[in-house]
Amino acid sequence: MPQWLAVEWDDEELRAVVARAGRRGPALEDAFTVPLREAVPAAGEDGARQRPPAEEIGGKLAAALAARGVSRPRTFVVLSRSRIELRQLSLPPVADDELPDLVRFQALREFPHIDEEWRIDYIPLEAAADQTRSVLAAALPPAGGAEIRTVCDTAELSVTRQVLRPCAAASLALRRVPGEPEEIRLIVNLIGAEVDLVIVMRDALVFVRTARVAGDPLRDPAAAELLVGEIRRTMVAAQNQLGGGRANRIVLCGADAAHQALGAMLGERLSLPAACFDPFAEVAVSGELATHRPDDTGRFASLVGVLVDEAEKRPPAVDFLHPKRRPEPPSRKNLYLLAGAAGLLLVLWGLIFAWLAVRGMDEKIQALQAKRQELDRKLKEADKTRKLVEALDAWRASDVLWLDELKRLNEKVPSAKEVMLNKLTLAAGERGGQITLEGFAANADAVQMLEQSLEDHDHRLISKGKAEDASQPPYTLRFGSVVVIRPPESSSGTASSSGTARAAARRTASPAARGTAGGRQP
């Protein structure tokens, strides 16, 4: 059975898991670490520690594999979140087959400092094909890819996959700690000075974050308190992706005594149930690993996860070596063969009757055919780009500038003596949007004045009714209204230019304007 190797490294150490492929899954043989601290050059003038040279890392990895009798295994490289660029992108409604091209096109426009040399893959977030699509786009810089090649070439390894560490650990955690279908889980994986924080909803990744924590949360109470703060910041940052919900369970990678104690502390401080799991449980082990487990097993969760995924033929969420691509079109090889055969018969027939006349025409025909095919290919590529740009401009032109709408609402709403809003909801549609108001008013005249002031050519107001309610003195009425924002009316040419202007305005707007606000009083 062939050997597999899952490996990752940082500034301090290299971690690896060796396994053999089997019909019932991988059989883990060894899990080890290689210190890299002595391979790190002296700190620079700013005192910062540099990353170890790739040749040094490759040499140490080769020596460790040779000492364990591992030769030319299939290699899976695991990358930390800090070594890539990760950003959520919003895209127009498109079919899944068209998503890879559109993600790359949009990433090149929105990511700073990236170009065609970067490797780009993505994680699609939940959305129907006829709705605005959202993805987590990940980009690996050319320098990162060059370092991986140098390390693996030095160790004489052939890389099969390049996966993202938080995704691989989350994949294993979902298998080891199953939950309810609608459960929102926060997966915590401690690796040295870094902690991977992944939020999973309905078994799909919706938010990924890696933070650095001073000290060791497994052994230092002060560092554990810092980890609590990072988890809380992650929950706040993921509010938009969770639709206002929050994580209702914590899953900690690792199940030794230190992990169990940390899990209990996190559950108590965050008022959430916490679970720990051993990455080496529920999987076959042999060799050195059967008698000796490494310290802090949680840091090997991503390595075991990528091996289990490969054994189950489950593609990783992110693979920079094999990013998601548009499906290949049906082969037209037979058609081209028939066309070539027919052309050949015609040429032979012409040679029989007029050899001298057509001898020089064959080369000319072939050159023209090649030129035509090249022009057709360039025309198709240009047409794809044009359609993408037109679709993006049309989508941007129909968007709503929520900061302007909030400013207008603030100017139009009567004073707090007459009206109090206790709930304000903003909702964007495919074209236009709507604002839902709920609150209390001093009298019916105040409600009428509010509704009249909010309605104009671009805004249609729908009253949801009012009723007597003295629960919020001095207000006597409870009311509800909906302001429907009509989309702008323009030609396709105007939509294109206005879409560019509106896109520039949106980039200056706060993301908080695209959500739901509650309890606001004018």
Protein backbone atom coordinates (compact mmCIF):
# COMPACT_ATOMS: atom_id res chain seq x y z
CA MET A 1 0.00 0.00 0.00
CA PRO A 2 1.36 3.46 -0.88
CA GLN A 3 2.50 5.83 1.84
CA TRP A 4 0.95 9.24 2.40
CA LEU A 5 2.51 12.25 4.09
CA ALA A 6 0.66 15.29 5.44
CA VAL A 7 3.03 18.11 6.42
CA GLU A 8 2.97 21.76 7.51
CA TRP A 9 5.51 24.14 8.98
CA ASP A 10 5.80 27.56 10.58
CA ASP A 11 8.63 29.64 12.04
CA GLU A 12 9.10 27.30 15.03
CA GLU A 13 8.56 23.71 13.92
CA LEU A 14 7.54 21.28 11.19
CA ARG A 15 4.66 18.86 11.86
CA ALA A 16 4.00 15.70 9.88
CA VAL A 17 1.77 12.62 9.88
CA VAL A 18 2.71 9.47 7.94
CA ALA A 19 -0.01 7.00 6.89
CA ARG A 20 -0.66 4.11 4.54
CA ALA A 21 -3.67 4.10 2.24
CA GLY A 22 -6.16 1.31 2.81
CA ARG A 23 -9.58 0.22 1.66
CA ARG A 24 -11.13 1.23 4.99
CA GLY A 25 -9.30 4.54 5.26
CA PRO A 26 -5.77 5.62 6.15
CA ALA A 27 -3.75 3.70 8.74
CA LEU A 28 -1.69 6.26 10.64
CA GLU A 29 1.88 5.11 11.28
CA ASP A 30 3.68 8.09 12.78
CA ALA A 31 3.17 11.69 13.86
CA PHE A 32 6.21 13.79 14.63
CA THR A 33 7.59 17.31 14.83
CA VAL A 34 10.93 18.74 13.69
CA PRO A 35 12.22 21.85 15.51
CA LEU A 36 13.15 24.68 13.15
CA ARG A 37 14.23 27.28 15.67
CA GLU A 38 17.95 26.65 15.17
CA ALA A 39 17.43 26.95 11.38
CA VAL A 40 16.03 30.47 11.72
CA PRO A 41 18.49 33.26 10.83
CA ALA A 42 19.35 35.83 13.47
CA ALA A 43 16.71 38.47 14.02
CA GLY A 44 16.96 41.55 11.89
CA GLU A 45 17.47 45.11 13.06
CA ASP A 46 13.80 45.35 14.06
CA GLY A 47 14.19 42.27 16.30
CA ALA A 48 11.64 40.23 14.31
CA ARG A 49 12.32 36.52 13.72
CA GLN A 50 12.48 35.60 10.05
CA ARG A 51 10.94 32.52 8.41
CA PRO A 52 13.43 29.61 8.14
CA PRO A 53 15.05 29.23 4.70
CA ALA A 54 13.15 26.79 2.50
CA GLU A 55 16.29 24.74 1.74
CA GLU A 56 16.92 24.25 5.48
CA ILE A 57 13.33 23.14 6.07
CA GLY A 58 13.48 20.70 3.14
CA GLY A 59 16.76 19.24 4.38
CA LYS A 60 15.44 18.66 7.90
CA LEU A 61 12.25 17.09 6.50
CA ALA A 62 14.27 14.75 4.26
CA ALA A 63 16.43 13.67 7.21
CA ALA A 64 13.38 13.00 9.41
CA LEU A 65 11.70 10.91 6.69
CA ALA A 66 14.87 8.92 5.99
CA ALA A 67 15.24 8.12 9.72
CA ARG A 68 11.71 6.67 9.67
CA GLY A 69 12.11 4.74 6.44
CA VAL A 70 9.62 6.90 4.49
CA SER A 71 10.43 7.14 0.78
CA ARG A 72 8.64 9.13 -1.93
CA PRO A 73 5.15 9.29 -0.37
CA ARG A 74 2.16 11.13 -1.82
CA THR A 75 2.49 14.50 -0.12
CA PHE A 76 -0.24 16.86 1.10
CA VAL A 77 0.95 20.33 2.15
CA VAL A 78 -1.19 22.17 4.71
CA LEU A 79 -1.08 25.99 4.76
CA SER A 80 -1.95 28.27 7.66
CA ARG A 81 -4.42 31.15 7.24
CA SER A 82 -1.61 33.67 7.85
CA ARG A 83 0.18 32.60 4.64
CA ILE A 84 -2.70 33.47 2.29
CA GLU A 85 -5.11 36.29 1.54
CA LEU A 86 -8.76 35.54 2.41
CA ARG A 87 -11.75 37.77 1.66
CA GLN A 88 -15.51 37.42 1.23
CA LEU A 89 -16.76 38.45 -2.22
CA SER A 90 -20.31 39.29 -3.29
CA LEU A 91 -21.15 38.33 -6.86
CA PRO A 92 -24.14 38.63 -9.19
CA PRO A 93 -26.51 35.64 -9.48
CA VAL A 94 -24.79 33.06 -11.70
CA ALA A 95 -24.87 29.31 -12.19
CA ASP A 96 -22.31 27.18 -10.35
CA ASP A 97 -20.50 26.36 -13.62
CA GLU A 98 -19.80 30.07 -14.22
CA LEU A 99 -18.72 30.80 -10.64
CA PRO A 100 -14.97 29.92 -10.99
CA ASP A 101 -14.35 32.41 -13.79
CA LEU A 102 -16.36 35.14 -12.07
CA VAL A 103 -14.61 34.61 -8.71
CA ARG A 104 -11.18 34.95 -10.29
CA PHE A 105 -12.27 38.01 -12.29
CA GLN A 106 -13.71 39.72 -9.20
CA ALA A 107 -10.78 38.71 -6.96
CA LEU A 108 -8.30 40.35 -9.33
CA ARG A 109 -10.34 43.57 -9.04
CA GLU A 110 -10.96 43.60 -5.28
CA PHE A 111 -7.87 41.97 -3.70
CA PRO A 112 -5.01 44.45 -3.24
CA HIS A 113 -1.64 43.67 -4.81
CA ILE A 114 -2.54 40.39 -6.56
CA ASP A 115 -2.10 39.48 -10.22
CA GLU A 116 -2.44 36.53 -12.57
CA GLU A 117 0.48 34.72 -10.87
CA TRP A 118 -1.51 34.20 -7.64
CA ARG A 119 -3.35 30.91 -7.14
CA ILE A 120 -7.02 31.53 -6.31
CA ASP A 121 -9.61 29.11 -4.95
CA TYR A 122 -12.84 29.72 -3.04
CA ILE A 123 -15.45 28.32 -0.67
CA PRO A 124 -19.03 28.96 -1.91
CA LEU A 125 -21.40 30.16 0.80
CA GLU A 126 -25.05 29.12 0.86
CA ALA A 127 -27.15 30.87 -1.80
CA ALA A 128 -29.47 29.91 -4.64
CA ALA A 129 -28.25 30.40 -8.21
CA ASP A 130 -30.83 33.18 -8.76
CA GLN A 131 -29.68 35.18 -5.73
CA THR A 132 -26.61 37.29 -5.03
CA ARG A 133 -23.74 34.83 -4.52
CA SER A 134 -21.18 35.04 -1.73
CA VAL A 135 -17.88 33.18 -1.55
CA LEU A 136 -14.80 33.08 0.66
CA ALA A 137 -12.00 33.67 -1.86
CA ALA A 138 -8.48 32.51 -0.90
CA ALA A 139 -5.33 33.61 -2.74
CA LEU A 140 -1.83 32.11 -2.38
CA PRO A 141 1.00 34.51 -3.32
CA PRO A 142 3.70 33.37 -5.76
CA ALA A 143 6.31 33.53 -2.97
CA GLY A 144 4.32 31.00 -0.92
CA GLY A 145 4.08 28.60 -3.85
CA ALA A 146 7.82 28.97 -4.52
CA GLU A 147 8.64 28.14 -0.89
CA ILE A 148 6.53 24.96 -1.04
CA ARG A 149 8.24 23.86 -4.26
CA THR A 150 11.71 24.47 -2.79
CA VAL A 151 10.98 22.57 0.43
CA CYS A 152 9.45 19.59 -1.39
CA ASP A 153 12.09 19.51 -4.15
CA THR A 154 14.83 19.48 -1.50
CA ALA A 155 13.09 16.59 0.29
CA GLU A 156 12.40 14.85 -3.08
CA LEU A 157 8.64 14.95 -2.55
CA SER A 158 5.87 15.28 -5.12
CA VAL A 159 2.97 17.42 -3.87
CA THR A 160 -0.55 16.10 -4.48
CA ARG A 161 -2.58 18.84 -2.76
CA GLN A 162 -2.09 22.23 -1.11
CA VAL A 163 -4.95 22.72 1.37
CA LEU A 164 -5.94 25.34 3.93
CA ARG A 165 -5.29 24.30 7.55
CA PRO A 166 -8.51 25.66 9.17
CA CYS A 167 -10.64 23.90 6.54
CA ALA A 168 -8.92 20.52 7.00
CA ALA A 169 -9.24 20.71 10.81
CA ALA A 170 -12.91 21.70 10.54
CA SER A 171 -13.60 18.77 8.20
CA LEU A 172 -12.22 16.33 10.80
CA ALA A 173 -14.08 18.07 13.66
CA LEU A 174 -17.42 17.72 11.86
CA ARG A 175 -16.86 13.95 11.62
CA ARG A 176 -15.66 13.48 15.21
CA VAL A 177 -18.26 15.75 16.90
CA PRO A 178 -21.53 15.50 14.91
CA GLY A 179 -24.27 17.97 15.82
CA GLU A 180 -27.82 18.99 15.00
CA PRO A 181 -28.54 20.06 11.40
CA GLU A 182 -29.12 23.72 12.31
CA GLU A 183 -26.38 23.88 14.95
CA ILE A 184 -23.76 26.62 14.63
CA ARG A 185 -20.36 25.41 15.82
CA LEU A 186 -17.16 27.33 16.55
CA ILE A 187 -14.11 25.10 15.99
CA VAL A 188 -10.96 26.10 17.90
CA ASN A 189 -7.55 24.69 16.91
CA LEU A 190 -4.41 25.78 18.83
CA ILE A 191 -1.12 25.55 16.91
CA GLY A 192 1.81 27.18 18.65
CA ALA A 193 1.29 30.93 18.87
CA GLU A 194 -1.68 30.80 16.46
CA VAL A 195 -5.29 29.76 16.94
CA ASP A 196 -7.57 28.86 14.01
CA LEU A 197 -11.21 29.87 14.57
CA VAL A 198 -13.75 28.41 12.13
CA ILE A 199 -17.52 28.88 12.28
CA VAL A 200 -19.60 26.12 10.70
CA MET A 201 -23.34 26.30 10.03
CA ARG A 202 -25.28 23.36 8.57
CA ASP A 203 -21.94 21.55 8.11
CA ALA A 204 -20.68 24.33 5.82
CA LEU A 205 -17.87 26.80 6.53
CA VAL A 206 -19.12 30.38 6.79
CA PHE A 207 -16.27 32.20 8.56
CA VAL A 208 -12.52 31.56 8.94
CA ARG A 209 -10.12 33.55 11.11
CA THR A 210 -6.62 32.98 12.52
CA ALA A 211 -5.36 35.00 15.48
CA ARG A 212 -2.07 35.13 17.37
CA VAL A 213 -2.19 34.68 21.15
CA ALA A 214 0.69 35.56 23.43
CA GLY A 215 1.50 32.58 25.63
CA ASP A 216 0.03 29.06 25.72
CA PRO A 217 -3.73 28.98 26.51
CA LEU A 218 -3.42 25.30 27.47
CA ARG A 219 -1.08 26.12 30.37
CA ASP A 220 -1.23 29.88 30.97
CA PRO A 221 -4.47 31.32 32.47
CA ALA A 222 -3.62 34.79 31.14
CA ALA A 223 -3.25 33.42 27.60
CA ALA A 224 -6.55 31.54 28.03
CA GLU A 225 -8.24 34.86 28.83
CA LEU A 226 -6.78 36.33 25.64
CA LEU A 227 -8.23 33.36 23.75
CA VAL A 228 -11.68 34.11 25.20
CA GLY A 229 -11.38 37.65 23.84
CA GLU A 230 -10.39 36.40 20.37
CA ILE A 231 -13.38 34.02 20.32
CA ARG A 232 -15.74 36.84 21.23
CA ARG A 233 -14.29 39.06 18.50
CA THR A 234 -14.76 36.22 16.01
CA MET A 235 -18.42 35.83 16.99
CA VAL A 236 -19.02 39.55 16.48
CA ALA A 237 -17.19 39.58 13.12
CA ALA A 238 -19.30 36.66 11.85
CA GLN A 239 -22.70 38.21 12.67
CA ASN A 240 -23.47 39.16 9.06
CA GLN A 241 -22.66 35.68 7.72
CA LEU A 242 -24.81 34.06 10.42
CA GLY A 243 -27.85 36.25 9.74
CA GLY A 244 -27.81 37.65 13.27
CA GLY A 245 -27.30 34.24 14.90
CA ARG A 246 -24.37 33.17 17.06
CA ALA A 247 -22.40 30.02 17.74
CA ASN A 248 -24.14 27.67 20.16
CA ARG A 249 -21.35 25.12 20.62
CA ILE A 250 -17.55 25.15 20.92
CA VAL A 251 -15.44 22.27 19.53
CA LEU A 252 -11.78 22.15 20.66
CA CYS A 253 -9.23 20.11 18.68
CA GLY A 254 -7.43 17.88 21.19
CA ALA A 255 -8.68 15.76 24.08
CA ASP A 256 -5.87 15.47 26.64
CA ALA A 257 -6.21 16.83 30.17
CA ALA A 258 -5.06 20.34 29.22
CA HIS A 259 -7.57 20.54 26.36
CA GLN A 260 -10.37 19.24 28.58
CA ALA A 261 -9.60 21.88 31.21
CA LEU A 262 -9.43 24.66 28.60
CA GLY A 263 -12.70 23.47 27.02
CA ALA A 264 -14.46 23.58 30.39
CA MET A 265 -13.11 27.09 31.04
CA LEU A 266 -14.22 28.34 27.58
CA GLY A 267 -17.68 26.83 28.04
CA GLU A 268 -18.07 28.53 31.41
CA ARG A 269 -16.79 31.95 30.31
CA LEU A 270 -18.80 32.00 27.07
CA SER A 271 -21.91 30.25 28.45
CA LEU A 272 -21.75 27.64 25.69
CA PRO A 273 -21.40 23.85 25.72
CA ALA A 274 -17.87 22.77 24.79
CA ALA A 275 -16.62 19.47 23.35
CA CYS A 276 -13.08 18.13 22.80
CA PHE A 277 -11.97 15.38 20.42
CA ASP A 278 -8.80 13.40 19.82
CA PRO A 279 -7.68 13.62 16.15
CA PHE A 280 -6.18 10.12 16.38
CA ALA A 281 -9.38 8.50 17.69
CA GLU A 282 -11.70 6.53 15.38
CA VAL A 283 -8.90 5.93 12.87
CA ALA A 284 -6.55 2.96 12.49
CA VAL A 285 -3.05 3.45 13.96
CA SER A 286 0.04 1.26 13.68
CA GLY A 287 3.80 1.43 14.05
CA GLU A 288 5.24 4.07 16.35
CA LEU A 289 1.91 5.83 16.72
CA ALA A 290 0.23 2.73 18.18
CA THR A 291 2.46 2.87 21.29
CA HIS A 292 3.39 6.55 21.53
CA ARG A 293 1.22 9.59 20.89
CA PRO A 294 2.83 13.02 20.46
CA ASP A 295 2.23 15.78 22.97
CA ASP A 296 -0.61 18.23 22.22
CA THR A 297 -2.45 16.04 19.71
CA GLY A 298 -4.74 18.92 18.71
CA ARG A 299 -2.05 20.53 16.53
CA PHE A 300 -2.16 17.45 14.24
CA ALA A 301 -5.94 17.78 13.59
CA SER A 302 -5.56 19.42 10.17
CA LEU A 303 -2.97 16.84 9.04
CA VAL A 304 -5.18 13.91 10.01
CA GLY A 305 -8.18 15.71 8.47
CA VAL A 306 -6.62 16.03 5.02
CA LEU A 307 -5.61 12.33 5.05
CA VAL A 308 -9.12 11.21 6.03
CA ASP A 309 -10.64 13.47 3.35
CA GLU A 310 -8.36 11.95 0.71
CA ALA A 311 -9.17 8.40 1.80
CA GLU A 312 -12.90 9.13 1.56
CA LYS A 313 -12.40 10.83 -1.84
CA ARG A 314 -13.85 14.04 -0.45
CA PRO A 315 -12.35 17.09 -2.20
CA PRO A 316 -10.94 19.70 0.20
CA ALA A 317 -12.75 23.00 0.65
CA VAL A 318 -9.68 24.83 -0.71
CA ASP A 319 -6.93 23.28 -2.85
CA PHE A 320 -4.45 25.72 -4.39
CA LEU A 321 -2.92 22.99 -6.54
CA HIS A 322 -6.31 22.08 -8.05
CA PRO A 323 -8.55 25.18 -7.74
CA LYS A 324 -12.17 25.01 -8.85
CA ARG A 325 -12.55 25.52 -12.60
CA ARG A 326 -15.32 25.73 -15.16
CA PRO A 327 -16.22 22.22 -16.42
CA GLU A 328 -14.58 21.32 -19.69
CA PRO A 329 -16.93 21.57 -22.68
CA PRO A 330 -17.87 18.37 -24.55
CA SER A 331 -15.08 17.14 -26.80
CA ARG A 332 -15.42 17.98 -30.47
CA LYS A 333 -12.54 15.74 -31.47
CA ASN A 334 -14.65 13.44 -33.66
CA LEU A 335 -16.15 16.41 -35.50
CA TYR A 336 -12.70 17.81 -36.18
CA LEU A 337 -11.50 14.40 -37.35
CA LEU A 338 -14.40 14.11 -39.82
CA ALA A 339 -13.80 17.64 -41.07
CA GLY A 340 -10.09 16.90 -41.50
CA ALA A 341 -10.80 13.66 -43.36
CA ALA A 342 -13.20 15.42 -45.71
CA GLY A 343 -10.66 18.13 -46.34
CA LEU A 344 -7.99 15.55 -47.05
CA LEU A 345 -10.19 13.80 -49.63
CA LEU A 346 -10.80 17.10 -51.36
CA VAL A 347 -7.10 17.83 -51.44
CA LEU A 348 -6.31 14.40 -52.86
CA TRP A 349 -9.02 14.80 -55.50
CA GLY A 350 -7.58 18.14 -56.48
CA LEU A 351 -4.06 16.73 -56.63
CA ILE A 352 -5.19 14.04 -59.10
CA PHE A 353 -6.66 16.54 -61.53
CA ALA A 354 -4.43 19.56 -61.07
CA TRP A 355 -1.31 18.71 -59.06
CA LEU A 356 0.78 21.61 -60.19
CA ALA A 357 -2.05 24.12 -59.66
CA VAL A 358 -2.93 23.22 -56.09
CA ARG A 359 0.44 22.13 -54.66
CA GLY A 360 1.10 25.58 -53.26
CA MET A 361 -2.49 26.10 -52.08
CA ASP A 362 -2.36 23.47 -49.30
CA GLU A 363 -0.02 25.48 -47.13
CA LYS A 364 -2.03 28.64 -47.69
CA ILE A 365 -5.27 26.89 -46.70
CA GLN A 366 -3.71 25.47 -43.54
CA ALA A 367 -2.32 28.87 -42.56
CA LEU A 368 -5.69 30.54 -43.06
CA GLN A 369 -7.45 27.85 -41.06
CA ALA A 370 -5.02 28.24 -38.16
CA LYS A 371 -5.42 32.03 -38.27
CA ARG A 372 -9.21 31.72 -38.32
CA GLN A 373 -9.21 29.37 -35.34
CA GLU A 374 -6.94 31.72 -33.40
CA LEU A 375 -9.17 34.70 -34.19
CA ASP A 376 -12.29 32.72 -33.20
CA ARG A 377 -10.68 31.77 -29.89
CA LYS A 378 -9.70 35.38 -29.13
CA LEU A 379 -13.19 36.58 -30.09
CA LYS A 380 -14.82 34.06 -27.73
CA GLU A 381 -12.53 35.07 -24.86
CA ALA A 382 -13.26 38.76 -25.45
CA ASP A 383 -17.01 38.06 -25.60
CA LYS A 384 -16.88 36.23 -22.24
CA THR A 385 -15.10 39.19 -20.64
CA ARG A 386 -17.59 41.65 -22.14
CA LYS A 387 -20.56 39.70 -20.82
CA LEU A 388 -19.05 39.51 -17.34
CA VAL A 389 -18.40 43.28 -17.27
CA GLU A 390 -21.92 44.05 -18.51
CA ALA A 391 -23.46 41.74 -15.91
CA LEU A 392 -21.42 43.31 -13.10
CA ASP A 393 -22.24 46.87 -14.20
CA ALA A 394 -25.96 46.08 -14.50
CA TRP A 395 -25.97 44.52 -11.05
CA ARG A 396 -24.10 47.44 -9.48
CA ALA A 397 -26.45 49.95 -11.12
CA SER A 398 -29.47 48.41 -9.41
CA ASP A 399 -27.94 48.42 -5.91
CA VAL A 400 -29.13 50.74 -3.13
CA LEU A 401 -26.90 53.30 -1.36
CA TRP A 402 -28.01 52.56 2.18
CA LEU A 403 -26.07 55.42 3.78
CA ASP A 404 -28.02 57.90 1.64
CA GLU A 405 -31.29 56.18 2.58
CA LEU A 406 -30.42 56.33 6.30
CA LYS A 407 -29.49 60.01 5.96
CA ARG A 408 -32.81 60.74 4.24
CA LEU A 409 -34.72 58.81 6.91
CA ASN A 410 -32.99 60.77 9.66
CA GLU A 411 -33.98 64.05 7.99
CA LYS A 412 -37.59 63.07 7.30
CA VAL A 413 -38.63 61.42 10.58
CA PRO A 414 -40.44 63.81 13.00
CA SER A 415 -38.92 64.69 16.35
CA ALA A 416 -38.66 62.22 19.25
CA LYS A 417 -41.57 63.95 21.01
CA GLU A 418 -43.88 62.83 18.23
CA VAL A 419 -42.39 59.51 17.01
CA MET A 420 -40.07 56.85 18.48
CA LEU A 421 -38.69 54.04 16.26
CA ASN A 422 -37.88 50.82 18.09
CA LYS A 423 -37.04 48.64 15.08
CA LEU A 424 -35.51 49.44 11.69
CA THR A 425 -34.90 46.71 9.10
CA LEU A 426 -33.01 47.18 5.81
CA ALA A 427 -33.49 44.56 3.09
CA ALA A 428 -31.95 44.50 -0.38
CA GLY A 429 -33.72 42.84 -3.29
CA GLU A 430 -32.57 41.91 -6.76
CA ARG A 431 -33.54 45.44 -7.80
CA GLY A 432 -34.10 48.13 -5.23
CA GLY A 433 -34.84 47.40 -1.56
CA GLN A 434 -37.10 48.24 1.33
CA ILE A 435 -36.96 49.71 4.84
CA THR A 436 -39.36 48.40 7.48
CA LEU A 437 -40.21 50.77 10.36
CA GLU A 438 -41.85 49.86 13.66
CA GLY A 439 -42.37 52.22 16.59
CA PHE A 440 -44.65 54.40 18.69
CA ALA A 441 -46.28 57.78 17.99
CA ALA A 442 -47.85 60.45 20.16
CA ASN A 443 -50.97 60.58 17.98
CA ALA A 444 -52.39 59.68 14.56
CA ASP A 445 -51.30 63.04 13.10
CA ALA A 446 -47.69 62.21 13.87
CA VAL A 447 -47.99 58.88 12.03
CA GLN A 448 -49.59 60.58 9.03
CA MET A 449 -46.92 63.26 8.95
CA LEU A 450 -44.20 60.55 9.06
CA GLU A 451 -45.72 58.58 6.19
CA GLN A 452 -46.27 61.64 4.01
CA SER A 453 -42.72 62.87 4.52
CA LEU A 454 -41.17 59.53 3.56
CA GLU A 455 -43.07 59.08 0.24
CA ASP A 456 -41.79 60.65 -3.00
CA HIS A 457 -41.05 59.71 -6.61
CA ASP A 458 -38.33 57.20 -5.63
CA HIS A 459 -39.99 55.89 -2.49
CA ARG A 460 -43.38 54.22 -2.07
CA LEU A 461 -44.78 53.89 1.45
CA ILE A 462 -46.97 50.99 2.57
CA SER A 463 -48.71 51.33 5.93
CA LYS A 464 -48.83 48.19 8.05
CA GLY A 465 -51.45 49.71 10.33
CA LYS A 466 -51.53 51.29 13.75
CA ALA A 467 -53.11 50.45 17.07
CA GLU A 468 -53.53 52.04 20.46
CA ASP A 469 -50.71 51.14 22.81
CA ALA A 470 -49.89 53.04 25.99
CA SER A 471 -46.96 50.83 27.01
CA GLN A 472 -44.45 53.56 26.05
CA PRO A 473 -45.75 56.88 27.47
CA PRO A 474 -46.10 59.60 26.35
CA TYR A 475 -46.76 57.71 23.09
CA THR A 476 -50.29 56.38 22.56
CA LEU A 477 -50.09 54.53 19.24
CA ARG A 478 -48.04 51.62 17.90
CA PHE A 479 -47.51 51.67 14.14
CA GLY A 480 -45.65 49.92 11.34
CA SER A 481 -44.70 51.09 7.84
CA VAL A 482 -42.66 49.83 4.88
CA VAL A 483 -40.72 52.17 2.57
CA VAL A 484 -40.19 50.52 -0.82
CA ILE A 485 -37.14 51.92 -2.64
CA ARG A 486 -37.71 51.90 -6.37
CA PRO A 487 -34.70 50.90 -8.55
CA PRO A 488 -33.19 53.63 -10.77
CA GLU A 489 -34.64 53.82 -14.29
CA SER A 490 -31.99 54.19 -16.95
CA SER A 491 -30.82 52.77 -20.29
CA SER A 492 -28.15 50.08 -20.46
CA GLY A 493 -25.48 52.63 -21.29
CA THR A 494 -26.45 54.86 -18.38
CA ALA A 495 -26.69 51.86 -16.09
CA SER A 496 -23.12 50.96 -16.91
CA SER A 497 -21.72 54.39 -16.01
CA SER A 498 -23.98 54.84 -12.99
CA GLY A 499 -23.10 51.35 -11.79
CA THR A 500 -19.41 52.37 -11.73
CA ALA A 501 -20.22 55.52 -9.74
CA ARG A 502 -22.49 53.63 -7.34
CA ALA A 503 -19.77 50.98 -6.87
CA ALA A 504 -17.29 53.72 -5.90
CA ALA A 505 -19.82 55.12 -3.42
CA ARG A 506 -20.40 51.69 -1.92
CA ARG A 507 -16.69 51.22 -1.25
CA THR A 508 -16.80 54.28 1.03
CA ALA A 509 -19.91 53.02 2.85
CA SER A 510 -19.69 51.17 6.15
CA PRO A 511 -20.62 47.47 6.02
CA ALA A 512 -22.97 48.12 8.93
CA ALA A 513 -25.36 49.83 6.49
CA ARG A 514 -26.11 46.43 4.90
CA GLY A 515 -27.86 44.72 7.79
CA THR A 516 -30.65 45.05 10.33
CA ALA A 517 -30.81 47.76 12.99
CA GLY A 518 -33.04 47.56 16.08
CA GLY A 519 -33.91 49.78 19.02
CA ARG A 520 -32.96 53.07 17.31
CA GLN A 521 -34.53 56.27 18.61
CA PRO A 522 -34.37 59.44 16.51
